[in-house]
Protein backbone atom coordinates (compact mmCIF):
# COMPACT_ATOMS: atom_id res chain seq x y z
CA MET A 1 40.96 -80.70 -33.01
CA SER A 2 39.63 -79.53 -29.72
CA ASP A 3 41.54 -77.85 -26.93
CA HIS A 4 41.38 -81.03 -24.89
CA ASP A 5 43.02 -83.16 -27.67
CA TRP A 6 46.20 -81.06 -27.73
CA GLN A 7 49.29 -82.34 -25.90
CA ALA A 8 52.83 -81.27 -25.59
CA PRO A 9 55.34 -82.98 -27.89
CA GLY A 10 56.55 -86.17 -26.32
CA GLY A 11 54.20 -85.88 -23.34
CA ALA A 12 51.13 -87.64 -22.11
CA PRO A 13 47.70 -86.22 -22.68
CA ALA A 14 46.63 -83.64 -20.00
CA PRO A 15 43.84 -84.90 -17.84
CA GLY A 16 40.64 -82.88 -17.86
CA PRO A 17 36.93 -83.20 -17.46
CA ALA A 18 34.81 -84.50 -20.15
CA PRO A 19 33.25 -81.83 -22.33
CA ASP A 20 29.69 -82.50 -21.19
CA ALA A 21 30.65 -82.52 -17.52
CA ALA A 22 32.52 -79.21 -17.87
CA ARG A 23 29.59 -77.55 -19.66
CA SER A 24 27.22 -78.80 -17.00
CA ALA A 25 29.44 -77.42 -14.23
CA ARG A 26 29.77 -74.08 -16.05
CA PHE A 27 25.98 -73.64 -16.29
CA ASP A 28 24.91 -75.19 -13.01
CA PRO A 29 21.24 -74.24 -12.47
CA SER A 30 21.63 -74.57 -8.71
CA ALA A 31 23.86 -71.48 -8.70
CA PHE A 32 20.85 -69.35 -9.71
CA PRO A 33 17.90 -70.15 -7.42
CA PRO A 34 14.53 -68.91 -8.68
CA PRO A 35 12.93 -65.98 -6.75
CA SER A 36 10.31 -66.80 -4.23
CA VAL A 37 6.80 -65.75 -5.23
CA GLU A 38 5.11 -66.86 -2.03
CA ALA A 39 6.38 -64.06 0.20
CA SER A 40 3.80 -62.83 2.66
CA PRO A 41 2.44 -59.30 1.96
CA SER A 42 2.97 -58.45 5.61
CA ALA A 43 6.69 -58.97 5.13
CA LEU A 44 6.88 -56.12 2.60
CA PRO A 45 7.89 -52.71 4.04
CA ALA A 46 4.96 -50.32 4.47
CA PRO A 47 5.22 -46.89 2.81
CA ALA A 48 6.17 -44.17 5.29
CA ALA A 49 3.50 -41.55 5.91
CA PRO A 50 4.59 -37.98 5.18
CA THR A 51 5.42 -36.06 8.31
CA SER A 52 4.52 -32.60 6.95
CA PRO A 53 2.19 -31.35 4.21
CA MET A 54 3.65 -30.58 0.83
CA TYR A 55 3.31 -27.10 -0.61
CA GLY A 56 -0.27 -26.51 -1.64
CA GLN A 57 -1.70 -29.53 0.28
CA VAL A 58 -3.54 -29.99 3.54
CA PRO A 59 -1.80 -32.08 6.24
CA TYR A 60 -1.63 -35.88 5.78
CA GLY A 61 -4.62 -37.64 7.21
CA SER A 62 -6.73 -34.46 7.38
CA PRO A 63 -10.46 -35.22 7.13
CA LEU A 64 -10.94 -32.13 4.98
CA GLY A 65 -9.40 -33.69 1.89
CA TRP A 66 -8.89 -31.61 -1.24
CA THR A 67 -9.57 -27.90 -1.15
CA PRO A 68 -10.03 -25.69 -4.21
CA PRO A 69 -7.27 -23.23 -5.12
CA PRO A 70 -7.69 -19.76 -3.61
CA LYS A 71 -9.57 -17.18 -5.64
CA PRO A 72 -7.44 -14.38 -7.05
CA GLY A 73 -7.38 -11.30 -4.86
CA LEU A 74 -6.47 -7.70 -5.42
CA LEU A 75 -2.74 -8.39 -5.89
CA PRO A 76 -0.97 -11.45 -7.31
CA LEU A 77 0.89 -13.36 -4.63
CA HIS A 78 4.38 -12.77 -5.94
CA PRO A 79 6.66 -9.70 -6.26
CA LEU A 80 4.85 -7.16 -8.40
CA GLY A 81 5.97 -5.65 -11.66
CA PHE A 82 6.06 -1.89 -12.10
CA GLY A 83 2.86 -1.84 -14.15
CA THR A 84 0.99 -3.85 -11.52
CA VAL A 85 2.12 -1.51 -8.75
CA LEU A 86 1.17 1.50 -10.87
CA TRP A 87 -2.39 0.44 -11.66
CA ALA A 88 -3.28 -1.60 -8.57
CA PRO A 89 -4.51 1.49 -6.61
CA PHE A 90 -6.98 2.25 -9.40
CA LYS A 91 -8.13 -1.38 -9.22
CA VAL A 92 -8.99 -0.80 -5.56
CA LEU A 93 -11.71 1.64 -6.63
CA ARG A 94 -13.14 -0.74 -9.21
CA ARG A 95 -13.07 -3.78 -6.92
CA ASN A 96 -14.85 -2.24 -3.90
CA PRO A 97 -16.17 1.18 -4.97
CA ALA A 98 -18.84 1.63 -2.31
CA ALA A 99 -16.47 1.32 0.63
CA THR A 100 -13.38 2.97 -0.87
CA PHE A 101 -14.86 5.83 -2.87
CA GLY A 102 -17.50 6.37 -0.20
CA THR A 103 -14.82 6.84 2.45
CA GLY A 104 -12.88 9.25 0.25
CA LEU A 105 -16.01 11.24 -0.47
CA VAL A 106 -16.86 11.45 3.24
CA VAL A 107 -13.36 12.79 3.95
CA GLN A 108 -13.69 15.46 1.26
CA LEU A 109 -17.16 16.46 2.46
CA VAL A 110 -15.94 16.77 6.04
CA SER A 111 -13.18 19.15 4.98
CA VAL A 112 -15.44 21.29 2.79
CA VAL A 113 -18.32 21.43 5.27
CA ALA A 114 -15.94 22.32 8.11
CA MET A 115 -14.44 25.16 6.09
CA LEU A 116 -17.83 26.54 5.08
CA ALA A 117 -19.22 26.21 8.60
CA VAL A 118 -16.32 28.22 9.99
CA PHE A 119 -15.75 30.91 7.38
CA ILE A 120 -19.25 31.83 6.20
CA PRO A 121 -20.46 33.03 9.64
CA PHE A 122 -17.13 34.77 10.22
CA MET A 123 -17.26 36.60 6.88
CA VAL A 124 -20.87 37.66 7.49
CA PHE A 125 -19.86 39.02 10.89
CA VAL A 126 -16.87 40.92 9.49
CA VAL A 127 -18.84 42.44 6.60
CA SER A 128 -21.66 43.60 8.88
CA ARG A 129 -19.17 45.21 11.28
CA VAL A 130 -17.30 46.98 8.49
CA GLU A 131 -20.51 48.35 7.02
CA SER A 132 -21.56 49.68 10.41
CA ALA A 133 -18.19 51.35 11.07
CA THR A 134 -18.45 55.14 11.46
CA ASP A 135 -15.13 56.09 9.86
CA SER A 136 -12.32 54.58 7.80
CA ALA A 137 -10.04 54.13 10.84
CA ASP A 138 -12.52 51.77 12.46
CA ALA A 139 -12.94 49.91 9.17
CA ASP A 140 -9.18 49.48 8.79
CA ALA A 141 -8.90 48.19 12.37
CA LEU A 142 -11.73 45.74 11.75
CA MET A 143 -10.10 44.46 8.57
CA SER A 144 -6.79 43.97 10.36
CA GLY A 145 -8.53 41.99 13.08
CA ALA A 146 -10.42 40.01 10.45
CA ILE A 147 -7.15 38.86 8.86
CA GLY A 148 -5.87 37.61 12.22
CA GLY A 149 -9.15 35.87 12.96
CA PHE A 150 -9.12 34.32 9.50
CA LEU A 151 -5.66 32.84 10.12
CA LEU A 152 -6.75 31.43 13.49
CA LEU A 153 -9.91 29.92 12.05
CA MET A 154 -7.84 28.18 9.40
CA LEU A 155 -6.66 25.85 12.15
CA VAL A 156 -10.14 24.32 12.48
CA PRO A 157 -10.54 22.93 8.94
CA ILE A 158 -6.84 21.98 8.88
CA ALA A 159 -7.26 19.95 12.06
CA LEU A 160 -10.37 18.24 10.74
CA SER A 161 -8.64 17.51 7.45
CA LEU A 162 -5.76 15.90 9.34
CA ILE A 163 -8.13 13.70 11.30
CA ALA A 164 -10.09 12.66 8.22
CA GLY A 165 -6.91 12.10 6.18
CA ALA A 166 -5.36 9.88 8.87
CA PHE A 167 -8.52 7.80 9.05
CA LEU A 168 -8.63 7.47 5.25
CA GLN A 169 -5.08 6.15 5.22
CA GLY A 170 -6.01 3.46 7.72
CA VAL A 171 -9.10 2.45 5.75
CA MET A 172 -7.19 2.14 2.48
CA VAL A 173 -4.40 0.08 4.06
CA VAL A 174 -6.97 -2.35 5.48
CA GLU A 175 -8.76 -2.52 2.12
CA VAL A 176 -5.58 -3.36 0.19
CA ALA A 177 -4.42 -5.92 2.78
CA SER A 178 -7.78 -7.69 2.98
CA GLY A 179 -8.29 -7.51 -0.79
CA THR A 180 -4.95 -9.23 -1.34
CA LEU A 181 -6.26 -12.12 0.78
CA GLY A 182 -9.35 -12.34 -1.42
CA GLU A 183 -11.69 -10.63 1.07
CA ARG A 184 -14.20 -7.92 0.22
CA LEU A 185 -15.16 -5.89 3.28
CA ARG A 186 -18.14 -3.63 3.58
CA PHE A 187 -18.11 0.01 4.61
CA ALA A 188 -18.65 -0.61 8.33
CA ALA A 189 -16.13 -3.47 8.53
CA LEU A 190 -13.41 -1.36 6.94
CA TRP A 191 -14.05 1.51 9.34
CA LYS A 192 -14.09 -0.82 12.33
CA ARG A 193 -10.70 -2.35 11.52
CA ALA A 194 -9.11 0.99 10.67
CA ALA A 195 -10.35 2.57 13.91
CA LYS A 196 -8.14 0.21 15.95
CA ARG A 197 -5.01 2.03 14.77
CA PHE A 198 -6.48 5.51 14.44
CA TRP A 199 -4.53 7.30 17.18
CA PRO A 200 -1.04 6.25 16.04
CA LEU A 201 -2.01 7.23 12.50
CA LEU A 202 -3.26 10.60 13.71
CA GLY A 203 -0.04 11.12 15.65
CA TRP A 204 2.07 10.38 12.60
CA THR A 205 -0.02 12.69 10.38
CA ALA A 206 0.25 15.47 12.97
CA MET A 207 4.04 15.02 13.12
CA VAL A 208 4.39 15.33 9.35
CA THR A 209 2.09 18.35 9.19
CA GLY A 210 3.87 20.02 12.09
CA ALA A 211 7.25 19.55 10.42
CA ILE A 212 5.95 21.14 7.20
CA VAL A 213 4.41 24.08 9.07
CA VAL A 214 7.62 24.70 11.04
CA ALA A 215 9.71 24.64 7.86
CA PHE A 216 7.44 27.15 6.11
CA ALA A 217 7.31 29.37 9.18
CA PHE A 218 11.10 29.38 9.36
CA PHE A 219 11.49 30.56 5.76
CA ILE A 220 8.77 33.18 6.09
CA ALA A 221 10.23 34.51 9.35
CA ILE A 222 13.65 34.98 7.74
CA ILE A 223 12.13 36.88 4.80
CA VAL A 224 10.06 39.08 7.12
CA VAL A 225 13.11 39.93 9.23
CA ALA A 226 15.07 40.77 6.06
CA THR A 227 12.45 43.39 5.08
CA PHE A 228 13.65 45.60 7.94
CA PHE A 229 17.01 46.04 6.18
CA ASP A 230 17.96 47.70 2.91
CA PRO A 231 16.56 46.47 -0.44
CA VAL A 232 19.82 44.77 -1.40
CA THR A 233 19.69 42.63 1.74
CA VAL A 234 16.07 41.72 0.98
CA ILE A 235 16.93 40.62 -2.56
CA VAL A 236 19.93 38.59 -1.42
CA THR A 237 17.84 36.98 1.33
CA ILE A 238 15.11 36.02 -1.10
CA LEU A 239 17.63 34.46 -3.50
CA VAL A 240 19.24 32.52 -0.66
CA MET A 241 15.83 31.33 0.54
CA ILE A 242 14.96 30.13 -2.96
CA LEU A 243 18.12 28.04 -3.14
CA ALA A 244 17.57 26.79 0.40
CA GLY A 245 13.98 25.96 -0.52
CA LEU A 246 15.16 23.83 -3.45
CA GLY A 247 17.54 21.99 -1.14
CA ALA A 248 14.78 21.53 1.42
CA ALA A 249 12.51 20.13 -1.30
CA VAL A 250 15.13 17.53 -2.20
CA VAL A 251 15.55 16.53 1.45
CA ALA A 252 11.77 16.41 1.90
CA ALA A 253 11.40 14.14 -1.16
CA TRP A 254 14.09 11.81 0.20
CA LEU A 255 12.63 11.64 3.70
CA GLY A 256 9.09 11.38 2.37
CA THR A 257 10.02 8.40 0.22
CA LYS A 258 11.99 6.61 2.93
CA LEU A 259 9.16 7.11 5.45
CA SER A 260 6.27 6.66 3.03
CA LEU A 261 5.41 3.19 4.36
CA VAL A 262 4.87 4.32 7.96
CA PRO A 263 1.01 4.33 7.78
CA SER A 264 0.96 0.79 6.38
CA VAL A 265 3.37 -0.48 9.03
CA ILE A 266 1.36 1.17 11.81
CA VAL A 267 -1.90 -0.42 10.67
CA LEU A 268 -0.78 -3.90 9.58
CA GLU A 269 2.04 -4.62 12.03
CA GLY A 270 0.46 -2.90 15.04
CA VAL A 271 3.62 -1.06 16.11
CA GLY A 272 4.30 2.45 17.35
CA ILE A 273 5.41 5.45 15.32
CA GLY A 274 9.13 5.06 16.09
CA THR A 275 9.23 1.38 15.17
CA ALA A 276 7.18 2.07 12.05
CA MET A 277 9.68 4.71 10.93
CA LYS A 278 12.57 2.25 11.33
CA ARG A 279 10.67 -0.49 9.46
CA SER A 280 9.82 1.84 6.59
CA TRP A 281 13.41 2.98 6.36
CA ARG A 282 14.70 -0.62 6.16
CA LEU A 283 12.08 -1.82 3.69
CA THR A 284 12.91 0.95 1.20
CA ASP A 285 16.66 0.22 1.30
CA GLY A 286 17.66 -0.63 -2.26
CA PHE A 287 14.22 0.36 -3.62
CA PHE A 288 14.33 4.14 -3.18
CA TRP A 289 14.12 5.12 -6.84
CA ARG A 290 11.44 2.56 -7.59
CA THR A 291 9.31 3.85 -4.71
CA PHE A 292 9.97 7.51 -5.48
CA GLY A 293 9.24 7.07 -9.19
CA THR A 294 5.97 5.25 -8.53
CA LEU A 295 4.73 7.87 -6.07
CA LEU A 296 5.73 10.71 -8.39
CA LEU A 297 4.22 9.17 -11.51
CA VAL A 298 0.87 8.35 -9.88
CA GLY A 299 0.71 11.85 -8.40
CA PHE A 300 1.36 13.35 -11.84
CA ILE A 301 -1.35 11.19 -13.44
CA LEU A 302 -3.90 12.19 -10.80
CA ASN A 303 -3.07 15.89 -11.05
CA LEU A 304 -3.26 15.81 -14.84
CA ALA A 305 -6.61 14.01 -14.74
CA ALA A 306 -8.00 16.58 -12.29
CA GLN A 307 -6.92 19.45 -14.52
CA VAL A 308 -8.36 17.80 -17.62
CA VAL A 309 -11.74 17.28 -15.95
CA VAL A 310 -12.17 20.50 -13.95
CA GLN A 311 -10.51 23.19 -16.02
CA PRO A 312 -12.56 22.74 -19.24
CA VAL A 313 -15.82 23.12 -17.27
CA SER A 314 -14.60 26.31 -15.64
CA LEU A 315 -13.32 27.65 -18.96
CA ILE A 316 -16.56 26.88 -20.81
CA GLY A 317 -18.62 28.56 -18.08
CA THR A 318 -16.46 31.68 -18.25
CA ILE A 319 -16.70 31.87 -22.04
CA VAL A 320 -20.49 31.41 -22.04
CA ALA A 321 -20.91 34.08 -19.37
CA ALA A 322 -18.74 36.49 -21.36
CA ILE A 323 -20.78 35.88 -24.50
CA ILE A 324 -24.14 36.39 -22.77
CA ASP A 325 -23.06 39.38 -20.71
CA PRO A 326 -20.04 41.04 -22.37
CA THR A 327 -20.53 44.36 -20.54
CA GLY A 328 -20.75 42.84 -17.05
CA THR A 329 -24.28 43.96 -16.22
CA GLY A 330 -25.04 40.81 -14.22
CA ALA A 331 -27.22 39.06 -16.80
CA ALA A 332 -25.04 35.94 -16.69
CA ILE A 333 -24.91 35.60 -12.91
CA ALA A 334 -26.91 32.36 -13.05
CA ILE A 335 -24.41 30.79 -15.43
CA THR A 336 -21.54 31.83 -13.19
CA VAL A 337 -23.21 30.32 -10.13
CA VAL A 338 -23.96 27.05 -11.95
CA THR A 339 -20.38 26.88 -13.19
CA MET A 340 -19.05 27.35 -9.67
CA ILE A 341 -21.35 24.65 -8.28
CA VAL A 342 -20.41 22.16 -11.00
CA THR A 343 -16.72 22.94 -10.51
CA VAL A 344 -16.97 22.37 -6.75
CA ILE A 345 -18.78 19.06 -7.23
CA LEU A 346 -16.21 17.84 -9.75
CA SER A 347 -13.42 18.94 -7.44
CA LEU A 348 -14.98 16.92 -4.61
CA LEU A 349 -15.25 13.80 -6.76
CA ILE A 350 -11.74 14.11 -8.16
CA GLY A 351 -10.39 14.87 -4.69
CA ALA A 352 -12.02 11.72 -3.31
CA ILE A 353 -10.54 9.58 -6.08
CA THR A 354 -7.12 11.16 -5.64
CA ALA A 355 -7.11 10.63 -1.87
CA VAL A 356 -8.15 6.98 -2.21
CA VAL A 357 -5.63 6.14 -4.93
CA GLN A 358 -2.69 7.81 -3.19
CA ALA A 359 -3.45 6.14 0.14
CA ALA A 360 -3.92 2.74 -1.54
CA LEU A 361 -0.69 3.13 -3.50
CA VAL A 362 1.36 3.32 -0.29
CA ALA A 363 -0.18 0.05 0.91
CA VAL A 364 0.52 -1.66 -2.43
CA ILE A 365 4.17 -0.57 -2.35
CA TYR A 366 4.47 -1.82 1.24
CA ILE A 367 3.17 -5.30 0.37
CA ASP A 368 5.36 -5.49 -2.74
CA LEU A 369 8.53 -4.57 -0.82
CA ARG A 370 7.78 -7.12 1.90
CA MET A 371 7.32 -9.76 -0.79
CA ARG A 372 10.71 -8.87 -2.22
CA THR A 373 12.64 -8.61 1.04
CA GLU A 374 10.80 -10.89 3.52
CA ALA A 375 9.00 -13.49 1.32
CA LEU A 376 5.62 -12.19 2.42
CA ASP A 377 4.05 -13.81 -0.63
CA LEU A 378 4.77 -17.28 0.81
CA GLU A 379 3.16 -16.30 4.10
CA LEU A 380 0.08 -15.02 2.30
CA VAL A 381 -0.24 -18.22 0.23
CA ARG A 382 0.11 -20.36 3.36
CA HIS A 383 -2.44 -18.23 5.21
CA ILE A 384 -5.01 -18.48 2.40
CA GLU A 385 -4.60 -22.24 2.04
CA GLN A 386 -4.89 -22.89 5.77
CA ARG A 387 -7.84 -20.51 6.08
CA ASP A 388 -9.71 -22.17 3.19
CA ALA A 389 -8.96 -25.61 4.68
CA GLY A 390 -10.46 -24.59 8.02
CA LEU A 391 -7.15 -24.72 9.86
CA PRO A 392 -6.06 -22.20 12.53
CA VAL A 393 -4.22 -19.21 11.11
CA THR A 394 -2.14 -16.35 12.44
CA ASP A 395 -1.73 -12.80 11.21
CA PRO A 396 0.11 -12.99 7.86
CA TYR A 397 1.09 -9.31 7.98
CA ALA A 398 2.74 -9.46 11.39
CA ALA A 399 6.33 -8.27 11.64
CA PRO A 400 8.92 -11.00 10.89
CA SER A 401 9.90 -11.30 14.56
CA THR A 402 6.34 -12.22 15.56
CA ALA A 403 5.00 -13.82 12.40
CA THR A 404 6.31 -17.28 13.35
CA ALA A 405 4.55 -17.44 16.72
CA PRO A 406 2.62 -20.73 17.04
CA ALA A 407 -1.09 -20.47 16.46
CA SER A 408 -1.88 -22.44 19.64
CA THR A 409 -0.44 -19.67 21.84
CA ALA A 410 -2.72 -17.01 20.44
CA ALA A 411 -6.25 -16.39 21.61
CA GLY A 412 -7.36 -16.11 18.02
CA PRO A 413 -6.18 -14.97 14.61
CA ALA A 414 -4.94 -11.43 14.61
CA TRP A 415 -6.26 -10.98 11.07
CA PRO A 416 -9.87 -12.25 11.08
């Protein structure tokens, strides 16, 4: 019995549609019209063109098309690990040895030649005057004057060393910055770029040296004044000065670490000494121990390497001379002279390497801290991609307040 055959007891059958008609109405094909397949292509919505380039692409519609990925530079373009920061300065020497080591060697030669040129004639003059003195009183007066003249002449090589050291800092900062962008500059190009910021660098180096000289002079003056009193006062003064010296060393290490990035800021951001000091102070906030530990560890490695290389040569020369001439008759004078010459040459080479690595380390730390605090790595990636695509670029190392200036307002890229 179907549902339509049922009726209430005593009632008439309920009217209803026939089964076929109801099924046809339930599945009416007209309720589901087929999709149209003759729609015009022009009626379909066109895909929207991208309004800005995606990361790692040239702008939409650029005729340049695909560009190869940038070649790896001196530093990876992301915040650096401790090992990378530690060994990157040594990589500077291996990557561009002619320009970097050559500059360091020139600086060392300038210092040595200046010292020899000043002191050798002076010593010859003093010795000839002492030998021609008629009595011991004149000789003593000449020796006293010679000590004063020696101290005054020390200012000449110190001044030249300051000038050469400031210039070396600028050269190494430019080398690290350009090497990170994948560039390899020659000797003359490095010197030309570093010379643009030479005077602020020299001013900063003179300030640091002056502060050190004043501090030493203050301690020495107090000790000299104390010698005019009784021995107990002298001993107490010396003990107090030792403790004060330890405290001053701690303060100097703290200030030196906080202001260690000043040369890099002066060269790469093109600011004055005062602004560079503030920038260095802010960049090292939260990274003091990392910066201090890196500077200390690299300095220890360089000092240890210098001792390992130079001291054995000097020791071997002394032993050989003692074996050949145990009584000191002068038979081993040639060996002594050769040992001294070899020691001086090794000291020059090690000094050049040390100066280059220490100056480059400061620049590496500066770039790493800007990557961590100011996303400099993204700016460097963008700069490299736009440069390789032939697009206009701005200075990627500019300070954050000026780094976003539009390229059309500048006469040309600040970092060629």
